Protein backbone atom coordinates (compact mmCIF):
# COMPACT_ATOMS: atom_id res chain seq x y z
CA MET A 1 0.00 0.00 0.00
CA ARG A 2 2.65 2.46 -1.02
CA SER A 3 1.13 3.85 -4.23
CA ALA A 4 -1.16 6.84 -4.67
CA GLY A 5 -4.07 4.49 -5.32
CA ALA A 6 -3.47 2.84 -1.95
CA HIS A 7 -3.75 6.20 -0.19
CA TYR A 8 -7.12 6.83 -1.84
CA LEU A 9 -8.18 3.34 -0.79
CA LEU A 10 -7.29 4.08 2.83
CA MET A 11 -9.30 7.31 2.66
CA LEU A 12 -12.34 5.46 1.29
CA LEU A 13 -12.02 2.48 3.64
CA PRO A 14 -13.86 4.09 6.61
CA LEU A 15 -16.81 4.91 4.36
CA ALA A 16 -16.79 1.38 2.95
CA VAL A 17 -16.79 -0.20 6.42
CA VAL A 18 -19.60 2.04 7.68
CA ALA A 19 -21.58 1.32 4.50
CA ALA A 20 -21.09 -2.43 5.03
CA PHE A 21 -22.38 -2.21 8.61
CA TRP A 22 -25.30 -0.07 7.46
CA ALA A 23 -26.18 -2.66 4.81
CA MET A 24 -26.09 -5.44 7.40
CA ALA A 25 -28.29 -3.43 9.76
CA SER A 26 -30.75 -2.63 6.96
CA LEU A 27 -31.05 -6.27 5.92
CA GLU A 28 -31.49 -7.52 9.47
CA ARG A 29 -35.09 -8.36 10.32
CA ARG A 30 -36.92 -9.67 13.31
CA ARG A 31 -38.33 -13.11 12.77
CA ASP A 32 -41.60 -12.27 14.42
CA GLY A 33 -42.46 -8.93 12.84
CA GLY A 34 -39.93 -8.09 10.18
CA VAL A 35 -39.01 -4.82 11.96
CA SER A 36 -35.70 -3.45 10.75
CA PHE A 37 -32.82 -2.25 12.91
CA THR A 38 -33.57 1.40 12.06
CA GLN A 39 -37.27 1.09 12.82
CA ARG A 40 -36.58 -0.47 16.21
CA ASN A 41 -34.03 2.11 17.35
CA GLY A 42 -34.89 5.25 15.40
CA ALA A 43 -32.85 6.87 12.64
CA ALA A 44 -30.60 8.94 14.93
CA ILE A 45 -29.64 6.13 17.32
CA ALA A 46 -29.30 3.62 14.48
CA THR A 47 -26.97 5.97 12.58
CA TYR A 48 -24.88 6.58 15.69
CA LEU A 49 -24.59 2.86 16.46
CA VAL A 50 -23.70 1.90 12.91
CA VAL A 51 -21.08 4.67 12.54
CA ALA A 52 -19.58 4.04 16.01
CA VAL A 53 -19.36 0.27 15.56
CA GLY A 54 -18.12 0.67 12.00
CA LEU A 55 -15.30 3.05 12.96
CA TRP A 56 -14.39 0.98 16.01
CA SER A 57 -14.22 -2.14 13.84
CA LEU A 58 -12.17 -0.27 11.24
CA PHE A 59 -9.47 1.06 13.56
CA MET A 60 -9.38 -1.84 16.04
CA ILE A 61 -9.92 -4.82 13.74
CA VAL A 62 -9.85 -4.15 9.98
CA LEU A 63 -6.79 -1.89 9.66
CA PRO A 64 -4.58 -3.86 12.13
CA GLN A 65 -5.48 -7.14 10.43
CA LEU A 66 -4.88 -5.75 6.94
CA SER A 67 -1.55 -4.35 8.10
CA MET A 68 -0.59 -7.74 9.58
CA ILE A 69 -1.59 -9.60 6.41
CA GLU A 70 0.31 -7.17 4.20
CA LEU A 71 3.39 -7.39 6.44
CA SER A 72 3.33 -11.19 6.37
CA PHE A 73 4.12 -11.16 2.63
CA ARG A 74 7.19 -8.94 2.98
CA PRO A 75 10.78 -9.93 3.85
CA LYS A 76 12.65 -8.93 6.98
CA LEU A 77 14.83 -5.98 6.01
CA PRO A 78 16.84 -3.29 7.78
CA THR A 79 14.94 -0.06 8.29
CA ALA A 80 16.98 1.72 5.62
CA GLN A 81 15.96 -0.85 2.98
CA ILE A 82 12.22 -0.79 3.67
CA GLY A 83 10.50 0.57 0.58
CA GLY A 84 13.56 -0.10 -1.56
CA PRO A 85 14.09 -2.52 -4.45
CA ARG A 86 14.45 -5.53 -2.10
CA ASP A 87 11.15 -4.79 -0.36
CA VAL A 88 8.95 -6.99 -2.53
CA TYR A 89 6.10 -9.34 -1.76
CA THR A 90 7.18 -12.91 -1.11
CA LEU A 91 5.98 -16.21 0.38
CA GLN A 92 9.21 -16.86 2.27
CA ASN A 93 7.61 -16.35 5.70
CA TYR A 94 5.02 -19.03 5.00
CA ARG A 95 7.74 -21.22 3.51
CA TYR A 96 9.64 -20.89 6.79
CA PHE A 97 6.60 -22.12 8.74
CA LEU A 98 6.43 -25.24 6.57
CA PHE A 99 10.13 -26.02 6.13
CA GLY A 100 12.03 -24.04 8.78
CA SER A 101 14.01 -22.26 6.07
CA THR A 102 13.36 -19.67 3.41
CA THR A 103 15.48 -21.53 0.85
CA ASP A 104 15.75 -25.22 1.77
CA THR A 105 12.51 -27.20 1.37
CA SER A 106 13.91 -30.68 1.91
CA HIS A 107 12.73 -31.04 5.53
CA TRP A 108 9.50 -30.10 7.27
CA ASN A 109 9.54 -27.63 10.16
CA SER A 110 8.32 -30.36 12.48
CA ILE A 111 8.56 -28.36 15.73
CA HIS A 112 6.39 -25.45 14.62
CA ILE A 113 3.93 -27.60 12.65
CA HIS A 114 3.56 -30.01 15.57
CA ALA A 115 3.01 -27.10 17.99
CA PHE A 116 0.39 -25.63 15.67
CA PHE A 117 -1.68 -28.80 15.32
CA LEU A 118 -1.27 -29.65 19.01
CA THR A 119 -2.59 -26.19 19.89
CA ILE A 120 -5.63 -26.59 17.62
CA PHE A 121 -6.38 -30.11 18.91
CA ALA A 122 -5.96 -29.11 22.56
CA SER A 123 -8.14 -26.02 22.02
CA ILE A 124 -10.91 -28.22 20.64
CA LEU A 125 -10.62 -30.52 23.68
CA VAL A 126 -10.70 -27.56 26.10
CA THR A 127 -13.76 -26.21 24.29
CA ALA A 128 -15.53 -29.57 24.50
CA PHE A 129 -14.64 -29.90 28.19
CA ASP A 130 -15.97 -26.42 28.99
CA LEU A 131 -19.19 -27.19 27.10
CA ALA A 132 -19.71 -30.43 29.01
CA LEU A 133 -18.98 -28.68 32.31
CA CYS A 134 -21.02 -25.52 31.72
CA TYR A 135 -24.12 -26.96 30.05
CA PRO A 136 -25.58 -28.58 33.21
CA LEU A 137 -24.71 -25.49 35.26
CA ALA A 138 -26.29 -23.11 32.75
CA PHE A 139 -29.41 -25.30 32.50
CA TYR A 140 -29.77 -25.38 36.28
CA MET A 141 -29.38 -21.61 36.55
CA ALA A 142 -31.80 -20.90 33.69
CA GLN A 143 -34.52 -23.47 34.33
CA ALA A 144 -34.32 -24.86 37.87
CA ALA A 145 -32.66 -22.46 40.31
CA ARG A 146 -34.52 -19.74 42.17
CA PRO A 147 -33.55 -16.12 41.41
CA ARG A 148 -31.70 -15.79 44.71
CA ARG A 149 -29.65 -18.92 43.97
CA VAL A 150 -28.91 -17.67 40.45
CA ARG A 151 -27.54 -14.39 41.81
CA LEU A 152 -25.34 -16.27 44.27
CA LEU A 153 -24.01 -18.59 41.57
CA LEU A 154 -23.30 -15.66 39.24
CA LEU A 155 -21.39 -13.92 42.02
CA LEU A 156 -19.36 -17.06 42.74
CA LEU A 157 -18.57 -17.39 39.02
CA ILE A 158 -17.63 -13.76 38.45
CA ALA A 159 -15.70 -12.98 41.66
CA PRO A 160 -12.55 -15.02 40.80
CA TYR A 161 -12.27 -13.12 37.51
CA TRP A 162 -11.72 -9.88 39.39
CA VAL A 163 -8.16 -11.19 39.74
CA ASN A 164 -5.74 -10.59 36.87
CA GLU A 165 -5.37 -13.47 34.37
CA VAL A 166 -1.63 -13.74 35.02
CA LEU A 167 -2.20 -14.00 38.78
CA ARG A 168 -4.82 -16.70 38.21
CA ALA A 169 -2.29 -18.60 36.11
CA PHE A 170 0.28 -18.40 38.91
CA ALA A 171 -2.38 -19.58 41.37
CA PHE A 172 -2.91 -22.66 39.21
CA ARG A 173 0.86 -23.17 39.20
CA VAL A 174 0.85 -23.17 43.00
CA ILE A 175 -1.98 -25.72 42.98
CA PHE A 176 -0.49 -28.10 40.40
CA ALA A 177 3.23 -27.79 41.20
CA THR A 178 5.14 -30.85 42.39
CA GLY A 179 5.19 -29.41 45.90
CA GLY A 180 1.82 -27.71 45.46
CA VAL A 181 -1.53 -27.97 47.16
CA LEU A 182 -2.96 -30.81 45.04
CA ASN A 183 0.04 -33.08 45.47
CA ALA A 184 0.13 -32.33 49.20
CA VAL A 185 -3.54 -33.30 49.57
CA LEU A 186 -3.22 -36.47 47.49
CA THR A 187 -0.07 -37.52 49.35
CA GLY A 188 -1.63 -36.74 52.74
CA LEU A 189 -4.67 -38.88 51.91
CA GLY A 190 -2.41 -41.74 50.86
CA LEU A 191 -3.78 -41.81 47.31
CA ILE A 192 -0.31 -41.44 45.76
CA GLY A 193 3.10 -42.47 47.01
CA GLN A 194 5.07 -39.64 45.41
CA PRO A 195 4.15 -36.28 43.86
CA ILE A 196 2.88 -36.21 40.27
CA ASP A 197 4.39 -33.73 37.83
CA PHE A 198 1.09 -32.15 36.74
CA LEU A 199 2.90 -29.25 35.08
CA GLY A 200 5.24 -31.51 33.14
CA LEU A 201 2.25 -33.50 31.91
CA ASP A 202 0.55 -30.24 30.84
CA ILE A 203 -2.43 -31.04 33.09
CA GLY A 204 -1.97 -27.71 34.87
CA MET A 205 -1.93 -25.82 31.57
CA TYR A 206 -5.09 -27.49 30.28
CA ALA A 207 -6.85 -26.92 33.62
CA GLY A 208 -5.81 -23.27 33.60
CA LEU A 209 -7.01 -22.78 30.04
CA SER A 210 -10.33 -24.48 30.78
CA TYR A 211 -10.90 -22.25 33.78
CA ALA A 212 -9.71 -19.04 32.12
CA TYR A 213 -12.60 -18.93 29.62
CA LEU A 214 -15.29 -20.68 31.61
CA LEU A 215 -17.53 -17.61 31.79
CA LEU A 216 -17.47 -17.23 28.01
CA MET A 217 -19.17 -20.60 27.79
CA VAL A 218 -21.55 -20.21 30.74
CA PHE A 219 -23.09 -16.87 29.80
CA PRO A 220 -24.04 -17.64 26.15
CA LEU A 221 -25.55 -20.94 27.28
CA TYR A 222 -27.43 -19.29 30.15
CA ASN A 223 -28.66 -16.51 27.86
CA ALA A 224 -30.02 -19.06 25.36
CA LEU A 225 -31.55 -21.43 27.91
CA GLU A 226 -33.18 -18.67 29.93
CA SER A 227 -35.53 -17.89 27.04
CA LEU A 228 -36.59 -21.53 26.66
CA PRO A 229 -40.27 -21.80 27.71
CA ALA A 230 -40.61 -24.18 30.64
CA SER A 231 -43.86 -25.41 29.13
CA GLN A 232 -41.92 -27.19 26.36
CA ILE A 233 -39.95 -29.19 28.92
CA GLU A 234 -43.09 -29.94 30.95
CA ALA A 235 -44.92 -31.08 27.82
CA ALA A 236 -42.10 -33.48 26.96
CA ARG A 237 -42.16 -34.88 30.51
CA ASP A 238 -45.93 -35.31 30.41
CA LEU A 239 -45.54 -37.31 27.20
CA GLY A 240 -43.19 -39.66 29.01
CA ALA A 241 -39.89 -38.57 27.45
CA PRO A 242 -36.81 -39.50 29.53
CA TRP A 243 -34.47 -36.69 30.65
CA TRP A 244 -31.82 -37.43 28.02
CA HIS A 245 -34.47 -37.38 25.29
CA ILE A 246 -35.71 -33.99 26.51
CA HIS A 247 -32.22 -32.51 26.39
CA LEU A 248 -31.36 -34.07 23.04
CA ASN A 249 -34.54 -33.10 21.20
CA VAL A 250 -35.87 -30.06 23.06
CA VAL A 251 -33.23 -28.20 25.05
CA ILE A 252 -30.09 -28.58 22.92
CA PRO A 253 -31.77 -27.60 19.61
CA PHE A 254 -33.15 -24.48 21.30
CA ALA A 255 -29.74 -23.66 22.83
CA LYS A 256 -27.77 -24.09 19.59
CA PRO A 257 -27.02 -20.35 19.22
CA GLY A 258 -25.60 -20.23 22.74
CA ILE A 259 -23.62 -23.42 22.20
CA ALA A 260 -22.16 -22.14 18.93
CA SER A 261 -21.35 -18.74 20.42
CA GLY A 262 -19.68 -20.21 23.51
CA CYS A 263 -17.67 -22.76 21.52
CA THR A 264 -16.33 -20.19 19.06
CA LEU A 265 -15.35 -17.77 21.83
CA VAL A 266 -13.62 -20.40 23.96
CA PHE A 267 -11.80 -21.97 21.01
CA MET A 268 -10.53 -18.69 19.59
CA LEU A 269 -9.28 -17.39 22.94
CA THR A 270 -7.78 -20.75 23.95
CA SER A 271 -5.87 -21.15 20.69
CA GLY A 272 -4.57 -17.59 21.06
CA ALA A 273 -3.77 -17.78 24.79
CA LEU A 274 -0.32 -16.66 25.88
CA ALA A 275 -0.22 -16.19 29.67
CA ALA A 276 -1.39 -19.68 30.66
CA PRO A 277 0.96 -21.60 28.31
CA LEU A 278 3.95 -19.49 29.42
CA VAL A 279 3.21 -19.80 33.15
CA LEU A 280 1.72 -23.30 33.33
CA GLY A 281 3.47 -25.06 30.43
CA GLY A 282 5.97 -27.75 31.25
CA PRO A 283 9.55 -27.92 29.92
CA ARG A 284 8.47 -30.09 26.96
CA SER A 285 5.11 -28.46 26.28
CA LEU A 286 4.51 -26.94 22.85
CA TRP A 287 2.00 -24.16 22.30
CA PHE A 288 1.81 -22.10 19.16
CA THR A 289 1.25 -18.62 20.56
CA PRO A 290 4.58 -18.46 22.45
CA ILE A 291 6.24 -19.36 19.13
CA VAL A 292 4.40 -16.45 17.49
CA TYR A 293 5.51 -14.23 20.37
CA ASP A 294 9.12 -15.34 19.89
CA ARG A 295 8.96 -14.47 16.19
CA PHE A 296 8.03 -10.91 17.14
CA TYR A 297 10.05 -10.21 20.28
CA GLN A 298 12.91 -12.73 20.33
CA ALA A 299 13.79 -13.09 16.66
CA PHE A 300 12.52 -9.52 15.96
CA ASN A 301 11.11 -10.84 12.70
CA TRP A 302 7.78 -9.06 12.46
CA PRO A 303 6.95 -10.24 8.93
CA GLN A 304 7.44 -13.84 10.01
CA GLY A 305 5.44 -13.32 13.19
CA SER A 306 2.65 -11.76 11.11
CA ALA A 307 2.62 -14.82 8.84
CA TYR A 308 2.34 -17.15 11.84
CA ALA A 309 -0.43 -15.02 13.34
CA PHE A 310 -2.29 -14.96 10.02
CA ILE A 311 -2.15 -18.76 9.81
CA LEU A 312 -3.68 -18.98 13.29
CA LEU A 313 -6.33 -16.42 12.32
CA LEU A 314 -7.32 -18.41 9.23
CA THR A 315 -7.64 -21.54 11.35
CA CYS A 316 -9.92 -19.77 13.84
CA VAL A 317 -12.09 -18.47 10.99
CA ALA A 318 -12.30 -21.99 9.56
CA PHE A 319 -13.38 -23.29 12.99
CA VAL A 320 -16.14 -20.68 13.21
CA LEU A 321 -17.40 -21.60 9.74
CA ALA A 322 -17.31 -25.29 10.67
CA VAL A 323 -19.36 -24.63 13.82
CA LEU A 324 -21.89 -22.62 11.84
CA ARG A 325 -22.20 -25.40 9.29
CA LEU A 326 -22.46 -28.08 11.97
CA THR A 327 -25.18 -26.24 13.88
CA LYS A 328 -26.87 -24.93 10.69
CA LEU A 329 -26.88 -21.40 12.06
CA SER A 330 -26.03 -18.06 10.52
CA LEU A 331 -23.48 -15.67 11.98
CA GLY A 332 -26.26 -13.30 12.99
CA GLU A 333 -28.08 -16.01 14.96
CA ILE A 334 -25.12 -16.81 17.22
CA THR A 335 -24.54 -13.13 17.99
CA ARG A 336 -28.08 -12.40 19.17
C-alpha cells in the first residue's frame, strides 16, 4: 500500500466499512415482525450505532489485520531498505513455517507444525470440556434455580475473575506444582506415594485454560436457555420422554445459538492464549502462541510473526465456519 491508489483506498475504507455495517443493519429483520434495525431504534440512534461500531471495527480490527496480512508477505529488512528494491512481496515467511528455512525445502519444520496442530487439537478438547462442564450449570441456573440462587451462583462465578489473568495462572501453578496444594492433599490422603508432575504432563496448563474462559461458555448458554419456555420441557415430561431425550430433542436444539457462540469464543481465545501456556506449560510443552511471540520479540522478525499469526487467524475463521455449518446457524443467529 505504497502507491497513490493505496492512499485513496485508505481514505475510502472508513466509508466502505460504515456502508457495510449499514447494509447489514438494513437487511437484518426480526423473525416475528420483520421490523428493521432502524425502525426499532430510530434513525438517529441507528446511525450513531452503525457509525460508532463501524469506525471501532475499522481502527481496532480491519486496519490492524490488513496491516498484519500485508506485512506477512514482505521480507525482513533493515529499516533503511524498507521501501527499496528488495522490499517486494514474497511467500518466504510461509515457507519458513512449513520447512524451517526460506530456501531449503527438503525437511519439514516439524517443531512449529507439531506445535500448531497440538494447539488446535488441545483447544478443541478444552472447548468440549468447557461445554460439558457448563451446560448442566447453565441449564440449572436458567430453568431450575430460584432467582436468589442464580444471583449467588453468578457472584461465585464472576468474583474469581476480578483477579488478573496472570495472577490466576500463577495460582494454578501453586496448585499443580510438584510441591503444590494438590500433590500435598493427594499424598496426605495416601492416594499417591510420590508427587505427580502435573505441570510436566501439561495437566496444569489445560486446567488453567479451561478455567480461564469458563464464563465465556456459561453466559451464552445461560442466555439461550433462559428464554426456553418451561412449558416445552413440561410437555415433553408429560408425554413420558426421559431426561436425556428432553435434552437431546428439546433443550439442545433451542440452545444451539448459545452453544455455537460459547464454543467459538472459547476456542478462539484458547488457541490464542499466551499467559497460561507461558506460566503453566511444562519444559516439553509446545503451544503455538509463544512461538508467534518469539517471532516478534525474540527473533525480531515481524513479517514472520505476522505470517504465523495470520495462519492462526485463518484456522480460527475456519473453525467458526465449521461450527456454523455443523449447527446450521447463521453468523447473525449466534450473535443475538
